[in-house]
Amino acid sequence: MTWEEQLQNCVTNDTSASGRILHLTPYMDELIKSTHSMALQKQFIPPTAECNFQFADDYLCEDKYTPVPNLIHRYKNKAVIIATNQCACYCQFCTRQRLTRSGEISLDNFGKILAYIKEHSEIEDILVTGGDPLILNTSKIVAILQELEKIDSIKIMRIGTRIPITLPQRINTELIQALKMFNHLYINIHINHPDELTSESRDAILALANNGIPLGSQSVLLKGINDDYDILKKLFQQLIQIKVKPYYLYQCDKVKGCEDYIVDIQKGIDIINKLCNQISGFAIPKFVVDTPEMGKMILAPCSMSGTDEDIFYFSNSNGQCSYKNVK
């Protein structure tokens, strides 16, 4: 099946009153059925039990930082473009469920978005996300990136995507040739568990990397899915083997529908700090929590356990030590 045929034949079911959506590409549907992976089932298939909703739809207050539709300007030098609210597969812990549950949005106001960015020359880093922007036709993706590239203040363009995992057929020659034209383009791939790294997804990821497109990964710490030292160690090691730099491990956002996925923050800190002495530093992402008030806060890795005047105390799996500061 081509990627277009995959999208046309998705397994879809709006399960309900709760707004939970089942939407799987035939590729992912078959992968879940053939592997019986609980890690995949828990991510993509709505739970059968009734959910105890406690959190808000817009925990990160993104609507507050939306000066024009489909543009989020939360950090001074960075902005986010919501290119679409559609995805190939829908994650049950999505931070933008309030958007993906709604009707399809389009960038018919793209001119206003460009005008805003031009008026705010402090913006130098643009993240094109969604939804999943790589679900769009190649010509539309290119048009967005070309217009952004014309703005002198823009130094970095990033695409946030899950497509190499949920629809690897989309990473075809046409798309790769289009993306490789942009010199300051980076792609961050959302991946949470080693079971997602099939031969198809590995080939898709390597096809991007081998054509000179820098790749990073973003993962979410999820209860009962990847909140485990051995699972994350395996994931991060496998990622660097296919030329992906583990970039962020996120504490799951406190968004309505994510209640059952939240992990004790200390557990995430402990796992990342433990990994520091076990695998290459290049394979270790920053563990962060996104806050409504101040954005991303880095929690780990960090070896400092305390201070006492000019003495810094450090600890890791090898033991403890102190360091006297020299001023």
C-alpha atoms as a PDB file:
ATOM      1  CA  MET A   1       0.000   0.000   0.000  1.00  0.00           C
ATOM      2  CA  THR A   2       1.165   3.534  -0.756  1.00  0.00           C
ATOM      3  CA  TRP A   3       1.087   6.038   2.060  1.00  0.00           C
ATOM      4  CA  GLU A   4      -2.012   7.655   0.552  1.00  0.00           C
ATOM      5  CA  GLU A   5      -3.766   4.266   0.464  1.00  0.00           C
ATOM      6  CA  GLN A   6      -2.740   3.686   4.067  1.00  0.00           C
ATOM      7  CA  LEU A   7      -4.485   6.905   5.087  1.00  0.00           C
ATOM      8  CA  GLN A   8      -7.563   6.119   3.017  1.00  0.00           C
ATOM      9  CA  ASN A   9      -7.915   2.738   4.734  1.00  0.00           C
ATOM     10  CA  CYS A  10      -7.324   3.703   8.349  1.00  0.00           C
ATOM     11  CA  VAL A  11      -9.100   1.797  11.091  1.00  0.00           C
ATOM     12  CA  THR A  12     -11.214   4.505  12.696  1.00  0.00           C
ATOM     13  CA  ASN A  13     -13.710   4.595  15.517  1.00  0.00           C
ATOM     14  CA  ASP A  14     -14.821   7.537  17.647  1.00  0.00           C
ATOM     15  CA  THR A  15     -15.324   5.542  20.799  1.00  0.00           C
ATOM     16  CA  SER A  16     -17.307   8.045  22.467  1.00  0.00           C
ATOM     17  CA  ALA A  17     -18.614  10.308  24.997  1.00  0.00           C
ATOM     18  CA  SER A  18     -15.153  10.758  26.435  1.00  0.00           C
ATOM     19  CA  GLY A  19     -13.809  11.919  23.085  1.00  0.00           C
ATOM     20  CA  ARG A  20     -11.388   8.985  22.874  1.00  0.00           C
ATOM     21  CA  ILE A  21     -10.478   8.264  19.272  1.00  0.00           C
ATOM     22  CA  LEU A  22      -9.210   5.055  17.690  1.00  0.00           C
ATOM     23  CA  HIS A  23      -7.448   5.877  14.434  1.00  0.00           C
ATOM     24  CA  LEU A  24      -4.779   3.521  13.111  1.00  0.00           C
ATOM     25  CA  THR A  25      -3.044   3.097   9.800  1.00  0.00           C
ATOM     26  CA  PRO A  26      -3.309  -0.451   8.435  1.00  0.00           C
ATOM     27  CA  TYR A  27       0.450  -0.666   9.033  1.00  0.00           C
ATOM     28  CA  MET A  28       0.107   0.088  12.757  1.00  0.00           C
ATOM     29  CA  ASP A  29      -3.039  -1.995  13.093  1.00  0.00           C
ATOM     30  CA  GLU A  30      -1.230  -5.030  11.687  1.00  0.00           C
ATOM     31  CA  LEU A  31       1.852  -4.357  13.813  1.00  0.00           C
ATOM     32  CA  ILE A  32      -0.235  -4.324  16.992  1.00  0.00           C
ATOM     33  CA  LYS A  33      -2.078  -7.502  16.000  1.00  0.00           C
ATOM     34  CA  SER A  34       1.050  -9.399  14.946  1.00  0.00           C
ATOM     35  CA  THR A  35       3.263  -8.447  17.892  1.00  0.00           C
ATOM     36  CA  HIS A  36       0.616  -8.269  20.648  1.00  0.00           C
ATOM     37  CA  SER A  37       2.748  -5.456  22.027  1.00  0.00           C
ATOM     38  CA  MET A  38       1.134  -4.003  25.130  1.00  0.00           C
ATOM     39  CA  ALA A  39       3.351  -0.936  24.748  1.00  0.00           C
ATOM     40  CA  LEU A  40       1.723  -0.213  21.380  1.00  0.00           C
ATOM     41  CA  GLN A  41      -1.781  -1.130  22.494  1.00  0.00           C
ATOM     42  CA  LYS A  42      -1.637   1.186  25.492  1.00  0.00           C
ATOM     43  CA  GLN A  43      -0.415   4.071  23.335  1.00  0.00           C
ATOM     44  CA  PHE A  44      -2.870   3.832  20.455  1.00  0.00           C
ATOM     45  CA  ILE A  45      -5.973   1.884  21.504  1.00  0.00           C
ATOM     46  CA  PRO A  46      -8.488   3.633  23.787  1.00  0.00           C
ATOM     47  CA  PRO A  47      -8.945   1.999  27.190  1.00  0.00           C
ATOM     48  CA  THR A  48     -12.179   0.120  27.699  1.00  0.00           C
ATOM     49  CA  ALA A  49     -12.570   1.268  31.287  1.00  0.00           C
ATOM     50  CA  GLU A  50     -14.261   4.588  31.961  1.00  0.00           C
ATOM     51  CA  CYS A  51     -11.717   7.360  32.446  1.00  0.00           C
ATOM     52  CA  ASN A  52     -11.567   9.473  35.576  1.00  0.00           C
ATOM     53  CA  PHE A  53     -10.838  12.846  34.023  1.00  0.00           C
ATOM     54  CA  GLN A  54      -9.140  15.279  36.402  1.00  0.00           C
ATOM     55  CA  PHE A  55      -7.009  17.479  34.171  1.00  0.00           C
ATOM     56  CA  ALA A  56      -7.760  20.416  31.848  1.00  0.00           C
ATOM     57  CA  ASP A  57      -7.869  20.296  28.040  1.00  0.00           C
ATOM     58  CA  ASP A  58      -5.273  23.038  27.651  1.00  0.00           C
ATOM     59  CA  TYR A  59      -2.929  22.401  30.570  1.00  0.00           C
ATOM     60  CA  LEU A  60      -0.054  24.347  29.000  1.00  0.00           C
ATOM     61  CA  CYS A  61      -2.277  27.356  28.260  1.00  0.00           C
ATOM     62  CA  GLU A  62      -1.359  27.293  24.578  1.00  0.00           C
ATOM     63  CA  ASP A  63      -4.528  29.158  23.655  1.00  0.00           C
ATOM     64  CA  LYS A  64      -3.289  32.041  25.794  1.00  0.00           C
ATOM     65  CA  TYR A  65      -0.127  32.254  23.674  1.00  0.00           C
ATOM     66  CA  THR A  66      -1.896  32.104  20.302  1.00  0.00           C
ATOM     67  CA  PRO A  67      -1.747  35.627  18.797  1.00  0.00           C
ATOM     68  CA  VAL A  68      -3.121  34.403  15.462  1.00  0.00           C
ATOM     69  CA  PRO A  69      -4.840  31.066  14.754  1.00  0.00           C
ATOM     70  CA  ASN A  70      -2.470  28.089  14.396  1.00  0.00           C
ATOM     71  CA  LEU A  71       0.551  29.985  15.786  1.00  0.00           C
ATOM     72  CA  ILE A  72       1.797  29.578  19.361  1.00  0.00           C
ATOM     73  CA  HIS A  73       4.340  32.149  20.609  1.00  0.00           C
ATOM     74  CA  ARG A  74       5.175  31.018  24.120  1.00  0.00           C
ATOM     75  CA  TYR A  75       8.943  31.523  24.237  1.00  0.00           C
ATOM     76  CA  LYS A  76      10.484  34.825  23.171  1.00  0.00           C
ATOM     77  CA  ASN A  77      12.740  33.436  20.432  1.00  0.00           C
ATOM     78  CA  LYS A  78      10.634  30.425  19.369  1.00  0.00           C
ATOM     79  CA  ALA A  79       7.232  29.868  17.828  1.00  0.00           C
ATOM     80  CA  VAL A  80       5.113  26.868  16.924  1.00  0.00           C
ATOM     81  CA  ILE A  81       3.053  26.504  13.761  1.00  0.00           C
ATOM     82  CA  ILE A  82       0.152  24.052  13.942  1.00  0.00           C
ATOM     83  CA  ALA A  83       0.251  22.945  10.303  1.00  0.00           C
ATOM     84  CA  THR A  84      -2.582  20.446  10.773  1.00  0.00           C
ATOM     85  CA  ASN A  85      -4.453  18.755  13.591  1.00  0.00           C
ATOM     86  CA  GLN A  86      -4.559  15.438  11.721  1.00  0.00           C
ATOM     87  CA  CYS A  87      -2.292  12.460  12.483  1.00  0.00           C
ATOM     88  CA  ALA A  88      -1.749   9.073  10.861  1.00  0.00           C
ATOM     89  CA  CYS A  89      -2.431   7.452  14.247  1.00  0.00           C
ATOM     90  CA  TYR A  90      -3.775   9.125  17.368  1.00  0.00           C
ATOM     91  CA  CYS A  91      -1.918   8.723  20.662  1.00  0.00           C
ATOM     92  CA  GLN A  92      -4.185   8.344  23.691  1.00  0.00           C
ATOM     93  CA  PHE A  93      -1.931  10.671  25.723  1.00  0.00           C
ATOM     94  CA  CYS A  94      -1.791  13.494  23.159  1.00  0.00           C
ATOM     95  CA  THR A  95      -1.135  16.908  24.662  1.00  0.00           C
ATOM     96  CA  ARG A  96      -3.330  18.522  21.967  1.00  0.00           C
ATOM     97  CA  GLN A  97      -6.364  16.263  22.220  1.00  0.00           C
ATOM     98  CA  ARG A  98      -8.518  19.377  22.290  1.00  0.00           C
ATOM     99  CA  LEU A  99      -7.441  19.980  18.678  1.00  0.00           C
ATOM    100  CA  THR A 100      -7.222  16.450  17.307  1.00  0.00           C
ATOM    101  CA  ARG A 101     -10.760  15.733  18.526  1.00  0.00           C
ATOM    102  CA  SER A 102     -12.084  18.660  16.467  1.00  0.00           C
ATOM    103  CA  GLY A 103     -12.743  18.993  12.760  1.00  0.00           C
ATOM    104  CA  GLU A 104      -9.813  19.333  10.362  1.00  0.00           C
ATOM    105  CA  ILE A 105      -8.005  22.649  10.476  1.00  0.00           C
ATOM    106  CA  SER A 106      -6.135  24.223   7.579  1.00  0.00           C
ATOM    107  CA  LEU A 107      -3.503  26.908   7.208  1.00  0.00           C
ATOM    108  CA  ASP A 108      -5.716  29.272   5.270  1.00  0.00           C
ATOM    109  CA  ASN A 109      -4.399  32.049   7.514  1.00  0.00           C
ATOM    110  CA  PHE A 110      -0.755  31.291   6.717  1.00  0.00           C
ATOM    111  CA  GLY A 111      -0.245  34.836   5.421  1.00  0.00           C
ATOM    112  CA  LYS A 112      -1.164  36.213   8.839  1.00  0.00           C
ATOM    113  CA  ILE A 113       1.217  33.757  10.504  1.00  0.00           C
ATOM    114  CA  LEU A 114       4.072  34.885   8.248  1.00  0.00           C
ATOM    115  CA  ALA A 115       3.249  38.540   8.880  1.00  0.00           C
ATOM    116  CA  TYR A 116       3.343  37.996  12.645  1.00  0.00           C
ATOM    117  CA  ILE A 117       6.715  36.211  12.475  1.00  0.00           C
ATOM    118  CA  LYS A 118       8.176  38.991  10.301  1.00  0.00           C
ATOM    119  CA  GLU A 119       6.937  41.601  12.770  1.00  0.00           C
ATOM    120  CA  HIS A 120       8.631  39.723  15.644  1.00  0.00           C
ATOM    121  CA  SER A 121      12.242  39.466  14.566  1.00  0.00           C
ATOM    122  CA  GLU A 122      13.155  37.966  17.941  1.00  0.00           C
ATOM    123  CA  ILE A 123      11.667  34.695  16.658  1.00  0.00           C
ATOM    124  CA  GLU A 124      14.540  32.688  15.228  1.00  0.00           C
ATOM    125  CA  ASP A 125      13.394  29.106  15.799  1.00  0.00           C
ATOM    126  CA  ILE A 126      10.205  27.721  14.229  1.00  0.00           C
ATOM    127  CA  LEU A 127       8.686  24.345  15.045  1.00  0.00           C
ATOM    128  CA  VAL A 128       6.235  23.067  12.444  1.00  0.00           C
ATOM    129  CA  THR A 129       4.032  20.516  14.158  1.00  0.00           C
ATOM    130  CA  GLY A 130       0.414  19.569  14.647  1.00  0.00           C
ATOM    131  CA  GLY A 131      -1.089  17.001  14.509  1.00  0.00           C
ATOM    132  CA  ASP A 132       1.598  15.708  12.194  1.00  0.00           C
ATOM    133  CA  PRO A 133       2.849  17.974   9.389  1.00  0.00           C
ATOM    134  CA  LEU A 134       4.293  15.088   7.367  1.00  0.00           C
ATOM    135  CA  ILE A 135       0.748  13.873   6.772  1.00  0.00           C
ATOM    136  CA  LEU A 136       0.402  16.808   4.369  1.00  0.00           C
ATOM    137  CA  ASN A 137       1.171  16.594   0.662  1.00  0.00           C
ATOM    138  CA  THR A 138       4.823  17.219  -0.159  1.00  0.00           C
ATOM    139  CA  SER A 139       4.029  20.370  -2.144  1.00  0.00           C
ATOM    140  CA  LYS A 140       2.261  21.883   0.864  1.00  0.00           C
ATOM    141  CA  ILE A 141       5.141  21.033   3.212  1.00  0.00           C
ATOM    142  CA  VAL A 142       7.623  22.591   0.793  1.00  0.00           C
ATOM    143  CA  ALA A 143       5.503  25.726   0.429  1.00  0.00           C
ATOM    144  CA  ILE A 144       5.438  26.220   4.213  1.00  0.00           C
ATOM    145  CA  LEU A 145       9.186  25.723   4.598  1.00  0.00           C
ATOM    146  CA  GLN A 146      10.072  27.906   1.600  1.00  0.00           C
ATOM    147  CA  GLU A 147       8.107  30.846   2.976  1.00  0.00           C
ATOM    148  CA  LEU A 148       9.694  30.457   6.396  1.00  0.00           C
ATOM    149  CA  GLU A 149      13.174  30.188   4.886  1.00  0.00           C
ATOM    150  CA  LYS A 150      12.698  33.594   3.237  1.00  0.00           C
ATOM    151  CA  ILE A 151      12.444  35.291   6.643  1.00  0.00           C
ATOM    152  CA  ASP A 152      15.934  36.529   7.582  1.00  0.00           C
ATOM    153  CA  SER A 153      15.417  36.205  11.339  1.00  0.00           C
ATOM    154  CA  ILE A 154      14.643  32.479  11.108  1.00  0.00           C
ATOM    155  CA  LYS A 155      17.794  30.500  11.880  1.00  0.00           C
ATOM    156  CA  ILE A 156      16.284  27.083  12.645  1.00  0.00           C
ATOM    157  CA  MET A 157      13.269  25.244  11.245  1.00  0.00           C
ATOM    158  CA  ARG A 158      12.117  22.072  12.950  1.00  0.00           C
ATOM    159  CA  ILE A 159       9.496  19.488  12.089  1.00  0.00           C
ATOM    160  CA  GLY A 160       7.919  17.456  14.877  1.00  0.00           C
ATOM    161  CA  THR A 161       6.594  14.147  13.570  1.00  0.00           C
ATOM    162  CA  ARG A 162       5.580  10.584  14.421  1.00  0.00           C
ATOM    163  CA  ILE A 163       5.196   9.564  10.764  1.00  0.00           C
ATOM    164  CA  PRO A 164       8.386   7.417  10.532  1.00  0.00           C
ATOM    165  CA  ILE A 165       6.812   5.312  13.303  1.00  0.00           C
ATOM    166  CA  THR A 166       3.114   5.330  12.385  1.00  0.00           C
ATOM    167  CA  LEU A 167       3.328   5.587   8.582  1.00  0.00           C
ATOM    168  CA  PRO A 168       6.902   4.828   7.431  1.00  0.00           C
ATOM    169  CA  GLN A 169       5.657   4.452   3.825  1.00  0.00           C
ATOM    170  CA  ARG A 170       5.307   8.254   3.775  1.00  0.00           C
ATOM    171  CA  ILE A 171       9.084   8.701   3.913  1.00  0.00           C
ATOM    172  CA  ASN A 172       9.522   8.248   0.182  1.00  0.00           C
ATOM    173  CA  THR A 173      12.018   9.593  -2.341  1.00  0.00           C
ATOM    174  CA  GLU A 174       9.839  12.562  -3.268  1.00  0.00           C
ATOM    175  CA  LEU A 175       9.552  13.739   0.334  1.00  0.00           C
ATOM    176  CA  ILE A 176      13.235  13.156   1.140  1.00  0.00           C
ATOM    177  CA  GLN A 177      14.422  15.042  -1.927  1.00  0.00           C
ATOM    178  CA  ALA A 178      12.143  17.938  -0.978  1.00  0.00           C
ATOM    179  CA  LEU A 179      13.265  18.106   2.646  1.00  0.00           C
ATOM    180  CA  LYS A 180      16.984  17.856   1.928  1.00  0.00           C
ATOM    181  CA  MET A 181      16.817  21.181   0.067  1.00  0.00           C
ATOM    182  CA  PHE A 182      16.524  23.083   3.356  1.00  0.00           C
ATOM    183  CA  ASN A 183      19.880  23.650   5.033  1.00  0.00           C
ATOM    184  CA  HIS A 184      18.705  24.580   8.517  1.00  0.00           C
ATOM    185  CA  LEU A 185      15.937  22.017   8.845  1.00  0.00           C
ATOM    186  CA  TYR A 186      15.872  19.517  11.708  1.00  0.00           C
ATOM    187  CA  ILE A 187      13.399  16.705  12.329  1.00  0.00           C
ATOM    188  CA  ASN A 188      12.402  15.454  15.779  1.00  0.00           C
ATOM    189  CA  ILE A 189      10.740  12.050  15.786  1.00  0.00           C
ATOM    190  CA  HIS A 190       8.283  11.115  18.525  1.00  0.00           C
ATOM    191  CA  ILE A 191       9.085   7.563  19.667  1.00  0.00           C
ATOM    192  CA  ASN A 192       8.475   5.980  23.047  1.00  0.00           C
ATOM    193  CA  HIS A 193       9.301   2.277  22.969  1.00  0.00           C
ATOM    194  CA  PRO A 194      11.661  -0.133  21.162  1.00  0.00           C
ATOM    195  CA  ASP A 195       8.634  -2.023  19.785  1.00  0.00           C
ATOM    196  CA  GLU A 196       8.028   0.958  17.498  1.00  0.00           C
ATOM    197  CA  LEU A 197      11.369   0.422  15.748  1.00  0.00           C
ATOM    198  CA  THR A 198      10.400  -2.071  13.069  1.00  0.00           C
ATOM    199  CA  SER A 199      12.462  -2.738   9.960  1.00  0.00           C
ATOM    200  CA  GLU A 200      10.148  -0.368   8.049  1.00  0.00           C
ATOM    201  CA  SER A 201      10.534   2.470  10.534  1.00  0.00           C
ATOM    202  CA  ARG A 202      14.299   1.955  10.768  1.00  0.00           C
ATOM    203  CA  ASP A 203      14.604   2.120   6.984  1.00  0.00           C
ATOM    204  CA  ALA A 204      12.508   5.289   6.878  1.00  0.00           C
ATOM    205  CA  ILE A 205      14.591   6.951   9.584  1.00  0.00           C
ATOM    206  CA  LEU A 206      17.900   5.963   7.997  1.00  0.00           C
ATOM    207  CA  ALA A 207      16.688   7.212   4.624  1.00  0.00           C
ATOM    208  CA  LEU A 208      16.243  10.671   6.166  1.00  0.00           C
ATOM    209  CA  ALA A 209      19.541  10.558   8.051  1.00  0.00           C
ATOM    210  CA  ASN A 210      21.547   9.255   5.097  1.00  0.00           C
ATOM    211  CA  ASN A 211      20.300  12.168   3.026  1.00  0.00           C
ATOM    212  CA  GLY A 212      21.801  14.643   5.456  1.00  0.00           C
ATOM    213  CA  ILE A 213      18.728  15.565   7.498  1.00  0.00           C
ATOM    214  CA  PRO A 214      19.641  15.912  11.209  1.00  0.00           C
ATOM    215  CA  LEU A 215      17.384  13.826  13.437  1.00  0.00           C
ATOM    216  CA  GLY A 216      16.518  13.945  17.112  1.00  0.00           C
ATOM    217  CA  SER A 217      13.960  12.069  19.158  1.00  0.00           C
ATOM    218  CA  GLN A 218      11.338  13.125  21.649  1.00  0.00           C
ATOM    219  CA  SER A 219       9.821  10.577  24.002  1.00  0.00           C
ATOM    220  CA  VAL A 220       7.181  10.797  26.692  1.00  0.00           C
ATOM    221  CA  LEU A 221       7.573   8.974  30.006  1.00  0.00           C
ATOM    222  CA  LEU A 222       4.451   6.803  30.178  1.00  0.00           C
ATOM    223  CA  LYS A 223       3.188   4.670  33.042  1.00  0.00           C
ATOM    224  CA  GLY A 224       3.226   0.966  32.255  1.00  0.00           C
ATOM    225  CA  ILE A 225       4.787   1.573  28.834  1.00  0.00           C
ATOM    226  CA  ASN A 226       8.339   2.868  29.162  1.00  0.00           C
ATOM    227  CA  ASP A 227       8.810   3.909  32.813  1.00  0.00           C
ATOM    228  CA  ASP A 228      11.525   1.306  33.118  1.00  0.00           C
ATOM    229  CA  TYR A 229      15.316   1.560  33.088  1.00  0.00           C
ATOM    230  CA  ASP A 230      15.915  -1.381  30.736  1.00  0.00           C
ATOM    231  CA  ILE A 231      13.279  -0.277  28.219  1.00  0.00           C
ATOM    232  CA  LEU A 232      14.593   3.274  27.972  1.00  0.00           C
ATOM    233  CA  LYS A 233      18.197   2.080  27.840  1.00  0.00           C
ATOM    234  CA  LYS A 234      17.333  -0.184  24.911  1.00  0.00           C
ATOM    235  CA  LEU A 235      15.357   2.569  23.167  1.00  0.00           C
ATOM    236  CA  PHE A 236      18.076   5.212  23.419  1.00  0.00           C
ATOM    237  CA  GLN A 237      20.827   2.820  22.351  1.00  0.00           C
ATOM    238  CA  GLN A 238      18.833   1.685  19.338  1.00  0.00           C
ATOM    239  CA  LEU A 239      18.132   5.275  18.347  1.00  0.00           C
ATOM    240  CA  ILE A 240      21.776   6.293  18.145  1.00  0.00           C
ATOM    241  CA  GLN A 241      22.430   3.188  16.061  1.00  0.00           C
ATOM    242  CA  ILE A 242      20.102   4.591  13.398  1.00  0.00           C
ATOM    243  CA  LYS A 243      21.542   8.122  13.611  1.00  0.00           C
ATOM    244  CA  VAL A 244      18.918   9.665  15.888  1.00  0.00           C
ATOM    245  CA  LYS A 245      20.064  11.786  18.839  1.00  0.00           C
ATOM    246  CA  PRO A 246      17.793  11.279  21.879  1.00  0.00           C
ATOM    247  CA  TYR A 247      16.797  14.871  22.621  1.00  0.00           C
ATOM    248  CA  TYR A 248      13.988  15.085  25.182  1.00  0.00           C
ATOM    249  CA  LEU A 249      12.249  12.668  27.518  1.00  0.00           C
ATOM    250  CA  TYR A 250       9.082  14.478  28.599  1.00  0.00           C
ATOM    251  CA  GLN A 251       7.145  14.087  31.795  1.00  0.00           C
ATOM    252  CA  CYS A 252       3.638  13.389  30.465  1.00  0.00           C
ATOM    253  CA  ASP A 253       1.599  16.603  30.395  1.00  0.00           C
ATOM    254  CA  LYS A 254      -1.316  16.879  32.816  1.00  0.00           C
ATOM    255  CA  VAL A 255      -3.845  17.063  29.992  1.00  0.00           C
ATOM    256  CA  LYS A 256      -7.394  15.694  30.164  1.00  0.00           C
ATOM    257  CA  GLY A 257      -7.195  12.061  29.050  1.00  0.00           C
ATOM    258  CA  CYS A 258      -3.605  11.550  30.248  1.00  0.00           C
ATOM    259  CA  GLU A 259      -4.457  10.749  33.867  1.00  0.00           C
ATOM    260  CA  ASP A 260      -3.555   7.059  33.625  1.00  0.00           C
ATOM    261  CA  TYR A 261      -0.201   7.735  31.941  1.00  0.00           C
ATOM    262  CA  ILE A 262       1.397   9.983  34.567  1.00  0.00           C
ATOM    263  CA  VAL A 263       4.592   8.700  36.226  1.00  0.00           C
ATOM    264  CA  ASP A 264       6.170   9.909  39.477  1.00  0.00           C
ATOM    265  CA  ILE A 265       8.699  12.542  38.379  1.00  0.00           C
ATOM    266  CA  GLN A 266      11.344  11.161  40.735  1.00  0.00           C
ATOM    267  CA  LYS A 267      11.234   7.858  38.881  1.00  0.00           C
ATOM    268  CA  GLY A 268      12.107   9.594  35.639  1.00  0.00           C
ATOM    269  CA  ILE A 269      14.951  11.509  37.289  1.00  0.00           C
ATOM    270  CA  ASP A 270      16.347   8.315  38.791  1.00  0.00           C
ATOM    271  CA  ILE A 271      16.244   6.446  35.469  1.00  0.00           C
ATOM    272  CA  ILE A 272      18.020   9.179  33.512  1.00  0.00           C
ATOM    273  CA  ASN A 273      20.670   9.715  36.176  1.00  0.00           C
ATOM    274  CA  LYS A 274      21.302   5.988  36.390  1.00  0.00           C
ATOM    275  CA  LEU A 275      21.693   5.800  32.608  1.00  0.00           C
ATOM    276  CA  CYS A 276      24.471   8.405  32.738  1.00  0.00           C
ATOM    277  CA  ASN A 277      27.047   5.841  33.825  1.00  0.00           C
ATOM    278  CA  GLN A 278      25.723   2.992  31.718  1.00  0.00           C
ATOM    279  CA  ILE A 279      25.510   4.281  28.143  1.00  0.00           C
ATOM    280  CA  SER A 280      27.134   6.954  25.996  1.00  0.00           C
ATOM    281  CA  GLY A 281      26.340  10.502  27.035  1.00  0.00           C
ATOM    282  CA  PHE A 282      25.311  11.111  23.419  1.00  0.00           C
ATOM    283  CA  ALA A 283      22.446   8.629  23.931  1.00  0.00           C
ATOM    284  CA  ILE A 284      20.981  10.341  27.003  1.00  0.00           C
ATOM    285  CA  PRO A 285      18.154  12.868  26.513  1.00  0.00           C
ATOM    286  CA  LYS A 286      17.222  15.670  28.865  1.00  0.00           C
ATOM    287  CA  PHE A 287      14.335  14.736  31.128  1.00  0.00           C
ATOM    288  CA  VAL A 288      12.014  17.741  31.229  1.00  0.00           C
ATOM    289  CA  VAL A 289       8.679  18.784  32.634  1.00  0.00           C
ATOM    290  CA  ASP A 290       6.675  21.356  30.696  1.00  0.00           C
ATOM    291  CA  THR A 291       5.065  23.931  32.965  1.00  0.00           C
ATOM    292  CA  PRO A 292       2.249  26.382  32.159  1.00  0.00           C
ATOM    293  CA  GLU A 293       4.095  29.214  33.905  1.00  0.00           C
ATOM    294  CA  MET A 294       7.689  28.919  32.662  1.00  0.00           C
ATOM    295  CA  GLY A 295       7.804  26.295  29.941  1.00  0.00           C
ATOM    296  CA  LYS A 296      10.294  23.439  29.957  1.00  0.00           C
ATOM    297  CA  MET A 297      12.247  22.766  33.129  1.00  0.00           C
ATOM    298  CA  ILE A 298      15.228  20.381  32.948  1.00  0.00           C
ATOM    299  CA  LEU A 299      15.118  17.743  35.691  1.00  0.00           C
ATOM    300  CA  ALA A 300      17.918  15.370  34.672  1.00  0.00           C
ATOM    301  CA  PRO A 301      20.638  14.407  34.024  1.00  0.00           C
ATOM    302  CA  CYS A 302      22.205  16.004  37.078  1.00  0.00           C
ATOM    303  CA  SER A 303      24.779  14.535  39.472  1.00  0.00           C
ATOM    304  CA  MET A 304      24.720  17.320  42.065  1.00  0.00           C
ATOM    305  CA  SER A 305      23.154  16.153  45.311  1.00  0.00           C
ATOM    306  CA  GLY A 306      23.727  19.260  47.433  1.00  0.00           C
ATOM    307  CA  THR A 307      25.945  22.215  48.383  1.00  0.00           C
ATOM    308  CA  ASP A 308      27.531  23.589  51.537  1.00  0.00           C
ATOM    309  CA  GLU A 309      29.089  27.036  51.096  1.00  0.00           C
ATOM    310  CA  ASP A 310      31.872  26.406  48.546  1.00  0.00           C
ATOM    311  CA  ILE A 311      31.536  22.615  48.542  1.00  0.00           C
ATOM    312  CA  PHE A 312      29.492  20.849  45.878  1.00  0.00           C
ATOM    313  CA  TYR A 313      28.402  17.274  46.500  1.00  0.00           C
ATOM    314  CA  PHE A 314      27.874  14.787  43.683  1.00  0.00           C
ATOM    315  CA  SER A 315      26.560  11.253  43.561  1.00  0.00           C
ATOM    316  CA  ASN A 316      25.977   8.548  40.966  1.00  0.00           C
ATOM    317  CA  SER A 317      25.968   4.776  40.757  1.00  0.00           C
ATOM    318  CA  ASN A 318      29.721   4.733  41.485  1.00  0.00           C
ATOM    319  CA  GLY A 319      29.326   6.488  44.834  1.00  0.00           C
ATOM    320  CA  GLN A 320      29.687  10.042  46.151  1.00  0.00           C
ATOM    321  CA  CYS A 321      32.306  12.774  46.000  1.00  0.00           C
ATOM    322  CA  SER A 322      32.762  16.467  46.777  1.00  0.00           C
ATOM    323  CA  TYR A 323      34.260  19.345  44.826  1.00  0.00           C
ATOM    324  CA  LYS A 324      35.545  22.610  46.284  1.00  0.00           C
ATOM    325  CA  ASN A 325      34.617  25.601  44.204  1.00  0.00           C
ATOM    326  CA  VAL A 326      37.430  27.985  43.211  1.00  0.00           C
ATOM    327  CA  LYS A 327      36.344  31.609  42.806  1.00  0.00           C
END
